PDB file of N, CA and C in Angstrom:
ATOM      1  N   UNK A   1     -52.940  98.643-108.333  1.00  0.00           N
ATOM      2  CA  UNK A   1     -51.815  98.407-107.106  1.00  0.00           C
ATOM      3  C   UNK A   1     -51.471  98.174-106.595  1.00  0.00           C
ATOM      4  N   UNK A   2     -52.365  98.934-105.504  1.00  0.00           N
ATOM      5  CA  UNK A   2     -51.958  99.892-104.508  1.00  0.00           C
ATOM      6  C   UNK A   2     -51.786  98.305-103.273  1.00  0.00           C
ATOM      7  N   UNK A   3     -50.713  98.781-101.933  1.00  0.00           N
ATOM      8  CA  UNK A   3     -50.337  97.925-101.195  1.00  0.00           C
ATOM      9  C   UNK A   3     -51.138  97.846 -99.988  1.00  0.00           C
ATOM     10  N   UNK A   4     -53.011  97.701 -99.701  1.00  0.00           N
ATOM     11  CA  UNK A   4     -53.691  97.368 -99.626  1.00  0.00           C
ATOM     12  C   UNK A   4     -54.255  96.402 -99.452  1.00  0.00           C
ATOM     13  N   UNK A   5     -53.699  95.569-101.034  1.00  0.00           N
ATOM     14  CA  UNK A   5     -54.570  94.934-101.924  1.00  0.00           C
ATOM     15  C   UNK A   5     -53.321  93.668-101.079  1.00  0.00           C
ATOM     16  N   UNK A   6     -52.084  93.208-100.970  1.00  0.00           N
ATOM     17  CA  UNK A   6     -51.738  92.706-101.037  1.00  0.00           C
ATOM     18  C   UNK A   6     -51.476  91.427-101.760  1.00  0.00           C
ATOM     19  N   UNK A   7     -52.025  91.633-102.950  1.00  0.00           N
ATOM     20  CA  UNK A   7     -50.940  90.493-103.624  1.00  0.00           C
ATOM     21  C   UNK A   7     -49.990  91.371-105.228  1.00  0.00           C
ATOM     22  N   UNK A   8     -50.385  90.231-105.698  1.00  0.00           N
ATOM     23  CA  UNK A   8     -49.063  90.017-106.826  1.00  0.00           C
ATOM     24  C   UNK A   8     -50.199  90.287-107.749  1.00  0.00           C
ATOM     25  N   UNK A   9     -49.096  91.191-108.636  1.00  0.00           N
ATOM     26  CA  UNK A   9     -49.826  90.739-110.280  1.00  0.00           C
ATOM     27  C   UNK A   9     -49.972  89.940-111.477  1.00  0.00           C
ATOM     28  N   UNK A  10     -49.489  89.041-110.866  1.00  0.00           N
ATOM     29  CA  UNK A  10     -48.748  88.178-111.956  1.00  0.00           C
ATOM     30  C   UNK A  10     -49.753  87.363-112.854  1.00  0.00           C
ATOM     31  N   UNK A  11     -50.234  88.468-113.923  1.00  0.00           N
ATOM     32  CA  UNK A  11     -51.103  87.685-114.818  1.00  0.00           C
ATOM     33  C   UNK A  11     -51.125  85.933-115.100  1.00  0.00           C
ATOM     34  N   UNK A  12     -50.978  85.525-115.094  1.00  0.00           N
ATOM     35  CA  UNK A  12     -50.408  83.905-114.803  1.00  0.00           C
ATOM     36  C   UNK A  12     -51.232  83.683-113.716  1.00  0.00           C
ATOM     37  N   UNK A  13     -51.439  83.809-112.512  1.00  0.00           N
ATOM     38  CA  UNK A  13     -51.477  83.340-111.466  1.00  0.00           C
ATOM     39  C   UNK A  13     -53.082  84.554-111.388  1.00  0.00           C
ATOM     40  N   UNK A  14     -54.175  83.313-110.628  1.00  0.00           N
ATOM     41  CA  UNK A  14     -55.379  83.851-110.672  1.00  0.00           C
ATOM     42  C   UNK A  14     -55.114  83.857-108.738  1.00  0.00           C
ATOM     43  N   UNK A  15     -56.124  84.368-108.515  1.00  0.00           N
ATOM     44  CA  UNK A  15     -56.887  85.277-107.503  1.00  0.00           C
ATOM     45  C   UNK A  15     -55.794  84.436-105.710  1.00  0.00           C
ATOM     46  N   UNK A  16     -56.494  83.149-105.886  1.00  0.00           N
ATOM     47  CA  UNK A  16     -56.287  82.248-105.358  1.00  0.00           C
ATOM     48  C   UNK A  16     -54.612  81.609-104.867  1.00  0.00           C
ATOM     49  N   UNK A  17     -54.199  81.662-105.990  1.00  0.00           N
ATOM     50  CA  UNK A  17     -52.910  81.176-105.938  1.00  0.00           C
ATOM     51  C   UNK A  17     -51.903  82.501-105.363  1.00  0.00           C
ATOM     52  N   UNK A  18     -52.365  84.353-105.996  1.00  0.00           N
ATOM     53  CA  UNK A  18     -52.028  85.154-105.544  1.00  0.00           C
ATOM     54  C   UNK A  18     -52.234  85.498-103.755  1.00  0.00           C
ATOM     55  N   UNK A  19     -52.906  85.120-103.673  1.00  0.00           N
ATOM     56  CA  UNK A  19     -53.056  84.891-101.930  1.00  0.00           C
ATOM     57  C   UNK A  19     -52.141  84.244-100.985  1.00  0.00           C
ATOM     58  N   UNK A  20     -52.597  83.035-101.896  1.00  0.00           N
ATOM     59  CA  UNK A  20     -51.496  81.441-101.336  1.00  0.00           C
ATOM     60  C   UNK A  20     -50.008  82.127-101.323  1.00  0.00           C
ATOM     61  N   UNK A  21     -49.884  82.896-103.008  1.00  0.00           N
ATOM     62  CA  UNK A  21     -48.468  83.642-102.048  1.00  0.00           C
ATOM     63  C   UNK A  21     -47.916  84.307-101.529  1.00  0.00           C
ATOM     64  N   UNK A  22     -49.060  85.155-101.401  1.00  0.00           N
ATOM     65  CA  UNK A  22     -48.539  86.301 -99.922  1.00  0.00           C
ATOM     66  C   UNK A  22     -48.842  85.421 -99.133  1.00  0.00           C
ATOM     67  N   UNK A  23     -49.200  84.729 -98.693  1.00  0.00           N
ATOM     68  CA  UNK A  23     -49.663  83.922 -96.653  1.00  0.00           C
ATOM     69  C   UNK A  23     -48.069  83.251 -96.964  1.00  0.00           C
ATOM     70  N   UNK A  24     -48.064  82.630 -98.058  1.00  0.00           N
ATOM     71  CA  UNK A  24     -46.873  81.961 -97.685  1.00  0.00           C
ATOM     72  C   UNK A  24     -45.278  82.633 -97.199  1.00  0.00           C
ATOM     73  N   UNK A  25     -45.041  83.438 -98.109  1.00  0.00           N
ATOM     74  CA  UNK A  25     -44.214  85.294 -97.870  1.00  0.00           C
ATOM     75  C   UNK A  25     -44.098  85.206 -96.588  1.00  0.00           C
ATOM     76  N   UNK A  26     -46.064  86.349 -96.227  1.00  0.00           N
ATOM     77  CA  UNK A  26     -45.772  86.464 -94.380  1.00  0.00           C
ATOM     78  C   UNK A  26     -44.951  85.369 -93.771  1.00  0.00           C
ATOM     79  N   UNK A  27     -45.102  83.652 -94.132  1.00  0.00           N
ATOM     80  CA  UNK A  27     -45.510  83.485 -93.089  1.00  0.00           C
ATOM     81  C   UNK A  27     -44.276  83.271 -92.884  1.00  0.00           C
ATOM     82  N   UNK A  28     -42.942  82.969 -93.896  1.00  0.00           N
ATOM     83  CA  UNK A  28     -41.796  83.081 -94.425  1.00  0.00           C
ATOM     84  C   UNK A  28     -41.337  84.128 -93.716  1.00  0.00           C
ATOM     85  N   UNK A  29     -41.581  84.975 -94.184  1.00  0.00           N
ATOM     86  CA  UNK A  29     -41.309  86.631 -93.520  1.00  0.00           C
ATOM     87  C   UNK A  29     -41.449  87.152 -91.189  1.00  0.00           C
ATOM     88  N   UNK A  30     -43.048  85.947 -91.038  1.00  0.00           N
ATOM     89  CA  UNK A  30     -42.740  85.995 -89.314  1.00  0.00           C
ATOM     90  C   UNK A  30     -41.964  84.631 -88.911  1.00  0.00           C
ATOM     91  N   UNK A  31     -41.300  83.698 -89.805  1.00  0.00           N
ATOM     92  CA  UNK A  31     -40.754  82.734 -88.983  1.00  0.00           C
ATOM     93  C   UNK A  31     -38.752  83.628 -88.874  1.00  0.00           C
ATOM     94  N   UNK A  32     -39.066  83.712 -90.294  1.00  0.00           N
ATOM     95  CA  UNK A  32     -36.932  85.193 -89.986  1.00  0.00           C
ATOM     96  C   UNK A  32     -37.550  86.190 -88.901  1.00  0.00           C
ATOM     97  N   UNK A  33     -38.868  86.562 -88.403  1.00  0.00           N
ATOM     98  CA  UNK A  33     -38.866  87.589 -87.133  1.00  0.00           C
ATOM     99  C   UNK A  33     -38.331  89.154 -88.164  1.00  0.00           C
ATOM    100  N   UNK A  34     -38.645  89.192 -89.363  1.00  0.00           N
ATOM    101  CA  UNK A  34     -38.375  90.369 -90.201  1.00  0.00           C
ATOM    102  C   UNK A  34     -39.289  91.444 -89.656  1.00  0.00           C
ATOM    103  N   UNK A  35     -39.703  91.799 -88.808  1.00  0.00           N
ATOM    104  CA  UNK A  35     -41.160  92.488 -88.598  1.00  0.00           C
ATOM    105  C   UNK A  35     -40.975  93.149 -89.406  1.00  0.00           C
ATOM    106  N   UNK A  36     -42.078  92.624 -90.676  1.00  0.00           N
ATOM    107  CA  UNK A  36     -42.657  93.633 -92.264  1.00  0.00           C
ATOM    108  C   UNK A  36     -43.863  92.746 -91.478  1.00  0.00           C
ATOM    109  N   UNK A  37     -44.569  93.261 -91.599  1.00  0.00           N
ATOM    110  CA  UNK A  37     -46.058  93.842 -91.752  1.00  0.00           C
ATOM    111  C   UNK A  37     -45.976  93.842 -92.876  1.00  0.00           C
ATOM    112  N   UNK A  38     -47.831  92.734 -93.124  1.00  0.00           N
ATOM    113  CA  UNK A  38     -47.791  92.138 -94.224  1.00  0.00           C
ATOM    114  C   UNK A  38     -48.298  93.518 -95.569  1.00  0.00           C
ATOM    115  N   UNK A  39     -48.613  95.139 -95.408  1.00  0.00           N
ATOM    116  CA  UNK A  39     -49.071  95.927 -96.073  1.00  0.00           C
ATOM    117  C   UNK A  39     -47.130  96.088 -96.586  1.00  0.00           C
ATOM    118  N   UNK A  40     -46.275  96.021 -95.860  1.00  0.00           N
ATOM    119  CA  UNK A  40     -44.487  95.918 -95.688  1.00  0.00           C
ATOM    120  C   UNK A  40     -44.301  95.363 -97.421  1.00  0.00           C
ATOM    121  N   UNK A  41     -44.576  93.614 -96.870  1.00  0.00           N
ATOM    122  CA  UNK A  41     -44.345  92.960 -97.139  1.00  0.00           C
ATOM    123  C   UNK A  41     -45.305  93.241 -98.760  1.00  0.00           C
ATOM    124  N   UNK A  42     -46.404  93.476 -98.844  1.00  0.00           N
ATOM    125  CA  UNK A  42     -47.225  93.430 -99.597  1.00  0.00           C
ATOM    126  C   UNK A  42     -45.778  94.607-100.865  1.00  0.00           C
ATOM    127  N   UNK A  43     -46.112  95.667-100.690  1.00  0.00           N
ATOM    128  CA  UNK A  43     -45.229  96.472-100.790  1.00  0.00           C
ATOM    129  C   UNK A  43     -43.611  96.157-101.713  1.00  0.00           C
ATOM    130  N   UNK A  44     -42.741  95.551-100.654  1.00  0.00           N
ATOM    131  CA  UNK A  44     -41.570  94.911-100.824  1.00  0.00           C
ATOM    132  C   UNK A  44     -42.261  94.355-102.679  1.00  0.00           C
ATOM    133  N   UNK A  45     -42.534  93.391-102.050  1.00  0.00           N
ATOM    134  CA  UNK A  45     -42.457  92.488-102.724  1.00  0.00           C
ATOM    135  C   UNK A  45     -43.229  93.140-104.643  1.00  0.00           C
ATOM    136  N   UNK A  46     -44.302  93.799-104.798  1.00  0.00           N
ATOM    137  CA  UNK A  46     -44.724  94.766-105.998  1.00  0.00           C
ATOM    138  C   UNK A  46     -43.045  95.574-106.223  1.00  0.00           C
ATOM    139  N   UNK A  47     -42.465  96.293-105.557  1.00  0.00           N
ATOM    140  CA  UNK A  47     -41.357  96.614-106.108  1.00  0.00           C
ATOM    141  C   UNK A  47     -40.908  96.053-106.621  1.00  0.00           C
ATOM    142  N   UNK A  48     -40.503  94.394-106.566  1.00  0.00           N
ATOM    143  CA  UNK A  48     -39.770  93.627-106.709  1.00  0.00           C
ATOM    144  C   UNK A  48     -39.819  93.184-108.547  1.00  0.00           C
ATOM    145  N   UNK A  49     -41.890  93.328-108.115  1.00  0.00           N
ATOM    146  CA  UNK A  49     -41.660  93.038-108.919  1.00  0.00           C
ATOM    147  C   UNK A  49     -41.529  94.446-110.261  1.00  0.00           C
ATOM    148  N   UNK A  50     -42.286  95.488-110.080  1.00  0.00           N
ATOM    149  CA  UNK A  50     -41.262  96.191-111.155  1.00  0.00           C
ATOM    150  C   UNK A  50     -39.798  96.517-111.826  1.00  0.00           C
ATOM    151  N   UNK A  51     -38.820  95.566-110.816  1.00  0.00           N
ATOM    152  CA  UNK A  51     -37.664  95.758-111.320  1.00  0.00           C
ATOM    153  C   UNK A  51     -36.279  96.116-110.482  1.00  0.00           C
ATOM    154  N   UNK A  52     -37.177  97.274-109.301  1.00  0.00           N
ATOM    155  CA  UNK A  52     -36.176  96.941-107.943  1.00  0.00           C
ATOM    156  C   UNK A  52     -35.802  95.716-107.403  1.00  0.00           C
ATOM    157  N   UNK A  53     -34.246  96.207-107.577  1.00  0.00           N
ATOM    158  CA  UNK A  53     -33.181  95.696-107.021  1.00  0.00           C
ATOM    159  C   UNK A  53     -33.433  94.636-105.268  1.00  0.00           C
ATOM    160  N   UNK A  54     -33.548  93.596-105.928  1.00  0.00           N
ATOM    161  CA  UNK A  54     -34.163  93.367-104.189  1.00  0.00           C
ATOM    162  C   UNK A  54     -32.824  92.990-102.771  1.00  0.00           C
ATOM    163  N   UNK A  55     -31.634  93.959-104.017  1.00  0.00           N
ATOM    164  CA  UNK A  55     -30.534  93.893-102.570  1.00  0.00           C
ATOM    165  C   UNK A  55     -30.103  95.507-102.490  1.00  0.00           C
ATOM    166  N   UNK A  56     -30.194  96.033-102.596  1.00  0.00           N
ATOM    167  CA  UNK A  56     -30.392  97.337-102.527  1.00  0.00           C
ATOM    168  C   UNK A  56     -31.902  97.757-102.142  1.00  0.00           C
ATOM    169  N   UNK A  57     -33.464  97.064-101.994  1.00  0.00           N
ATOM    170  CA  UNK A  57     -34.762  97.017-101.887  1.00  0.00           C
ATOM    171  C   UNK A  57     -34.318  96.731 -99.822  1.00  0.00           C
ATOM    172  N   UNK A  58     -33.423  95.563 -99.835  1.00  0.00           N
ATOM    173  CA  UNK A  58     -32.707  95.068 -98.575  1.00  0.00           C
ATOM    174  C   UNK A  58     -31.787  96.560 -98.327  1.00  0.00           C
ATOM    175  N   UNK A  59     -31.011  96.498 -99.128  1.00  0.00           N
ATOM    176  CA  UNK A  59     -30.039  97.807 -97.737  1.00  0.00           C
ATOM    177  C   UNK A  59     -30.638  98.877 -97.324  1.00  0.00           C
ATOM    178  N   UNK A  60     -31.011  99.814 -98.222  1.00  0.00           N
ATOM    179  CA  UNK A  60     -32.242 100.986 -97.764  1.00  0.00           C
ATOM    180  C   UNK A  60     -32.823 100.430 -96.729  1.00  0.00           C
ATOM    181  N   UNK A  61     -33.969  99.118 -96.702  1.00  0.00           N
ATOM    182  CA  UNK A  61     -34.846  99.041 -94.941  1.00  0.00           C
ATOM    183  C   UNK A  61     -33.765  98.970 -94.324  1.00  0.00           C
ATOM    184  N   UNK A  62     -32.654  98.590 -93.696  1.00  0.00           N
ATOM    185  CA  UNK A  62     -31.928  98.194 -93.066  1.00  0.00           C
ATOM    186  C   UNK A  62     -31.504  99.565 -92.891  1.00  0.00           C
ATOM    187  N   UNK A  63     -30.807 100.532 -93.566  1.00  0.00           N
ATOM    188  CA  UNK A  63     -30.740 102.036 -93.330  1.00  0.00           C
ATOM    189  C   UNK A  63     -31.314 102.840 -92.830  1.00  0.00           C
ATOM    190  N   UNK A  64     -32.871 102.809 -93.189  1.00  0.00           N
ATOM    191  CA  UNK A  64     -33.825 103.324 -92.408  1.00  0.00           C
ATOM    192  C   UNK A  64     -33.873 102.656 -91.104  1.00  0.00           C
ATOM    193  N   UNK A  65     -34.364 101.619 -91.053  1.00  0.00           N
ATOM    194  CA  UNK A  65     -34.395 100.754 -89.420  1.00  0.00           C
ATOM    195  C   UNK A  65     -33.193 101.475 -88.575  1.00  0.00           C
ATOM    196  N   UNK A  66     -31.873 101.745 -89.287  1.00  0.00           N
ATOM    197  CA  UNK A  66     -31.453 102.130 -87.957  1.00  0.00           C
ATOM    198  C   UNK A  66     -31.204 104.358 -87.725  1.00  0.00           C
ATOM    199  N   UNK A  67     -31.896 104.485 -88.573  1.00  0.00           N
ATOM    200  CA  UNK A  67     -32.300 105.736 -88.645  1.00  0.00           C
ATOM    201  C   UNK A  67     -33.228 106.225 -87.244  1.00  0.00           C
ATOM    202  N   UNK A  68     -33.745 105.157 -87.764  1.00  0.00           N
ATOM    203  CA  UNK A  68     -35.463 105.146 -87.310  1.00  0.00           C
ATOM    204  C   UNK A  68     -35.290 104.480 -85.804  1.00  0.00           C
ATOM    205  N   UNK A  69     -34.091 103.907 -85.704  1.00  0.00           N
ATOM    206  CA  UNK A  69     -34.156 103.197 -84.261  1.00  0.00           C
ATOM    207  C   UNK A  69     -33.583 105.027 -83.314  1.00  0.00           C
ATOM    208  N   UNK A  70     -32.302 105.197 -85.188  1.00  0.00           N
ATOM    209  CA  UNK A  70     -30.972 106.067 -84.226  1.00  0.00           C
ATOM    210  C   UNK A  70     -32.378 107.430 -83.452  1.00  0.00           C
ATOM    211  N   UNK A  71     -33.035 107.692 -83.998  1.00  0.00           N
ATOM    212  CA  UNK A  71     -34.194 108.037 -83.688  1.00  0.00           C
ATOM    213  C   UNK A  71     -35.165 109.035 -82.267  1.00  0.00           C
ATOM    214  N   UNK A  72     -35.168 107.450 -81.887  1.00  0.00           N
ATOM    215  CA  UNK A  72     -36.256 106.151 -81.093  1.00  0.00           C
ATOM    216  C   UNK A  72     -35.341 106.459 -80.080  1.00  0.00           C
ATOM    217  N   UNK A  73     -33.983 106.048 -79.822  1.00  0.00           N
ATOM    218  CA  UNK A  73     -32.933 106.303 -78.524  1.00  0.00           C
ATOM    219  C   UNK A  73     -32.978 107.767 -78.301  1.00  0.00           C
ATOM    220  N   UNK A  74     -32.442 107.740 -77.211  1.00  0.00           N
ATOM    221  CA  UNK A  74     -32.617 109.047 -75.761  1.00  0.00           C
ATOM    222  C   UNK A  74     -31.204 109.247 -76.707  1.00  0.00           C
ATOM    223  N   UNK A  75     -31.469 110.791 -76.721  1.00  0.00           N
ATOM    224  CA  UNK A  75     -29.884 111.555 -76.933  1.00  0.00           C
ATOM    225  C   UNK A  75     -30.433 111.459 -78.667  1.00  0.00           C
ATOM    226  N   UNK A  76     -31.022 110.748 -79.396  1.00  0.00           N
ATOM    227  CA  UNK A  76     -31.201 110.813 -80.692  1.00  0.00           C
ATOM    228  C   UNK A  76     -31.195 111.582 -81.460  1.00  0.00           C
TER     229      UNK A  76
END
């Protein structure tokens, strides 16, 4: 279940269907300008499949981005 595979592990979906789902999610992510790489998106999907609360996950991602931006800014 590595992030590099980029595939959902739903046993009811064929490999082609899993790829199509990930491609669609990546297109949506790009349209929404999320800034998520395919690897990040795959990891997020996998975490959600494992039962992680999506809203809590989004909150953590926002917080991490905020901290990273503060560290990158002058005087941060």
